[in-house]
Amino acid sequence: MTDAVTKNTPWIRFPKRTSPYIFALYMATIMAFLMSLVITLAEFGMGPHYMENVMNAYQVAMPAAFVCILVVRPVVIRLVGLTVHGH
């Protein structure tokens, strides 16, 4: 991108203290959608209502994933610290 394009692009920047929540939001959004795609395909197959079924599953999966990531994140950080040099 050119400097002119990047300067004119509106981008919301959140304070650093919100990083764990923004991380959880992005991770939950992406992972819940991918898992909804895979699980719906495995459970019901590829049919005419596949994407409708995926979105119905996603409505439940995304909020659940968000809460789970917030709960599990500190444990994962601790495990990484115990298993990787330099943490």
C-alpha atoms as a PDB file:
ATOM      1  CA  MET A   1       0.000   0.000   0.000  1.00  0.00           C
ATOM      2  CA  THR A   2       1.120   3.515  -0.602  1.00  0.00           C
ATOM      3  CA  ASP A   3       1.506   6.039   2.200  1.00  0.00           C
ATOM      4  CA  ALA A   4      -1.506   7.981   0.900  1.00  0.00           C
ATOM      5  CA  VAL A   5      -3.733   4.901   1.099  1.00  0.00           C
ATOM      6  CA  THR A   6      -2.588   3.872   4.575  1.00  0.00           C
ATOM      7  CA  LYS A   7      -2.991   7.396   5.969  1.00  0.00           C
ATOM      8  CA  ASN A   8      -6.550   7.672   4.645  1.00  0.00           C
ATOM      9  CA  THR A   9      -7.647   4.247   5.880  1.00  0.00           C
ATOM     10  CA  PRO A  10      -9.712   4.585   9.073  1.00  0.00           C
ATOM     11  CA  TRP A  11      -8.468   2.102  11.652  1.00  0.00           C
ATOM     12  CA  ILE A  12      -9.561   1.868  15.257  1.00  0.00           C
ATOM     13  CA  ARG A  13      -6.679   1.292  17.666  1.00  0.00           C
ATOM     14  CA  PHE A  14      -7.525   0.018  21.123  1.00  0.00           C
ATOM     15  CA  PRO A  15      -5.428   0.558  24.253  1.00  0.00           C
ATOM     16  CA  LYS A  16      -2.783  -2.099  25.014  1.00  0.00           C
ATOM     17  CA  ARG A  17      -4.679  -3.282  28.116  1.00  0.00           C
ATOM     18  CA  THR A  18      -7.465  -4.605  25.840  1.00  0.00           C
ATOM     19  CA  SER A  19      -5.062  -6.982  24.023  1.00  0.00           C
ATOM     20  CA  PRO A  20      -6.245 -10.188  25.787  1.00  0.00           C
ATOM     21  CA  TYR A  21      -9.863  -9.417  24.878  1.00  0.00           C
ATOM     22  CA  ILE A  22      -9.115  -8.439  21.282  1.00  0.00           C
ATOM     23  CA  PHE A  23      -6.981 -11.582  20.914  1.00  0.00           C
ATOM     24  CA  ALA A  24      -9.837 -13.703  22.294  1.00  0.00           C
ATOM     25  CA  LEU A  25     -12.344 -12.021  19.984  1.00  0.00           C
ATOM     26  CA  TYR A  26     -10.275 -12.619  16.839  1.00  0.00           C
ATOM     27  CA  MET A  27      -9.323 -16.157  17.853  1.00  0.00           C
ATOM     28  CA  ALA A  28     -12.906 -17.083  18.769  1.00  0.00           C
ATOM     29  CA  THR A  29     -14.313 -15.567  15.583  1.00  0.00           C
ATOM     30  CA  ILE A  30     -11.932 -17.453  13.310  1.00  0.00           C
ATOM     31  CA  MET A  31     -11.762 -20.773  15.162  1.00  0.00           C
ATOM     32  CA  ALA A  32     -15.491 -21.026  15.874  1.00  0.00           C
ATOM     33  CA  PHE A  33     -16.268 -20.411  12.205  1.00  0.00           C
ATOM     34  CA  LEU A  34     -13.729 -22.969  10.992  1.00  0.00           C
ATOM     35  CA  MET A  35     -14.916 -25.543  13.520  1.00  0.00           C
ATOM     36  CA  SER A  36     -18.547 -24.877  12.594  1.00  0.00           C
ATOM     37  CA  LEU A  37     -17.683 -25.522   8.936  1.00  0.00           C
ATOM     38  CA  VAL A  38     -15.913 -28.804   9.702  1.00  0.00           C
ATOM     39  CA  ILE A  39     -18.308 -30.180  12.306  1.00  0.00           C
ATOM     40  CA  THR A  40     -21.401 -29.315  10.264  1.00  0.00           C
ATOM     41  CA  LEU A  41     -19.870 -31.007   7.218  1.00  0.00           C
ATOM     42  CA  ALA A  42     -19.006 -34.124   9.256  1.00  0.00           C
ATOM     43  CA  GLU A  43     -22.407 -34.273  10.929  1.00  0.00           C
ATOM     44  CA  PHE A  44     -24.800 -33.390   8.079  1.00  0.00           C
ATOM     45  CA  GLY A  45     -22.729 -33.489   4.890  1.00  0.00           C
ATOM     46  CA  MET A  46     -22.753 -30.916   2.119  1.00  0.00           C
ATOM     47  CA  GLY A  47     -26.408 -30.208   1.402  1.00  0.00           C
ATOM     48  CA  PRO A  48     -28.518 -27.333   0.173  1.00  0.00           C
ATOM     49  CA  HIS A  49     -28.748 -25.864   3.702  1.00  0.00           C
ATOM     50  CA  TYR A  50     -25.086 -26.344   4.584  1.00  0.00           C
ATOM     51  CA  MET A  51     -24.211 -22.675   5.152  1.00  0.00           C
ATOM     52  CA  GLU A  52     -27.465 -22.088   7.043  1.00  0.00           C
ATOM     53  CA  ASN A  53     -26.581 -24.983   9.361  1.00  0.00           C
ATOM     54  CA  VAL A  54     -23.037 -23.639   9.725  1.00  0.00           C
ATOM     55  CA  MET A  55     -24.298 -20.209  10.751  1.00  0.00           C
ATOM     56  CA  ASN A  56     -26.734 -21.737  13.243  1.00  0.00           C
ATOM     57  CA  ALA A  57     -23.869 -23.684  14.811  1.00  0.00           C
ATOM     58  CA  TYR A  58     -21.659 -20.582  14.740  1.00  0.00           C
ATOM     59  CA  GLN A  59     -24.215 -18.581  16.756  1.00  0.00           C
ATOM     60  CA  VAL A  60     -23.638 -20.987  19.636  1.00  0.00           C
ATOM     61  CA  ALA A  61     -19.949 -21.694  19.054  1.00  0.00           C
ATOM     62  CA  MET A  62     -18.604 -18.141  18.845  1.00  0.00           C
ATOM     63  CA  PRO A  63     -19.702 -16.852  22.278  1.00  0.00           C
ATOM     64  CA  ALA A  64     -18.702 -20.166  23.870  1.00  0.00           C
ATOM     65  CA  ALA A  65     -15.270 -20.013  22.209  1.00  0.00           C
ATOM     66  CA  PHE A  66     -14.767 -16.412  23.347  1.00  0.00           C
ATOM     67  CA  VAL A  67     -15.403 -17.285  26.999  1.00  0.00           C
ATOM     68  CA  CYS A  68     -13.286 -20.455  26.776  1.00  0.00           C
ATOM     69  CA  ILE A  69     -10.338 -18.550  25.305  1.00  0.00           C
ATOM     70  CA  LEU A  70     -10.523 -15.960  28.078  1.00  0.00           C
ATOM     71  CA  VAL A  71     -10.482 -18.739  30.673  1.00  0.00           C
ATOM     72  CA  VAL A  72      -7.808 -20.924  29.052  1.00  0.00           C
ATOM     73  CA  ARG A  73      -5.414 -18.162  27.870  1.00  0.00           C
ATOM     74  CA  PRO A  74      -3.616 -17.700  31.229  1.00  0.00           C
ATOM     75  CA  VAL A  75      -3.100 -21.460  31.538  1.00  0.00           C
ATOM     76  CA  VAL A  76      -1.650 -21.656  28.023  1.00  0.00           C
ATOM     77  CA  ILE A  77       0.676 -18.713  28.688  1.00  0.00           C
ATOM     78  CA  ARG A  78       1.927 -20.479  31.816  1.00  0.00           C
ATOM     79  CA  LEU A  79       2.435 -23.779  29.956  1.00  0.00           C
ATOM     80  CA  VAL A  80       4.392 -22.017  27.197  1.00  0.00           C
ATOM     81  CA  GLY A  81       6.525 -20.342  29.844  1.00  0.00           C
ATOM     82  CA  LEU A  82       7.302 -23.722  31.391  1.00  0.00           C
ATOM     83  CA  THR A  83       8.209 -25.424  28.110  1.00  0.00           C
ATOM     84  CA  VAL A  84      10.023 -22.728  26.065  1.00  0.00           C
ATOM     85  CA  HIS A  85      13.402 -21.196  26.891  1.00  0.00           C
ATOM     86  CA  GLY A  86      13.457 -17.456  27.373  1.00  0.00           C
ATOM     87  CA  HIS A  87       9.930 -17.015  28.750  1.00  0.00           C
END
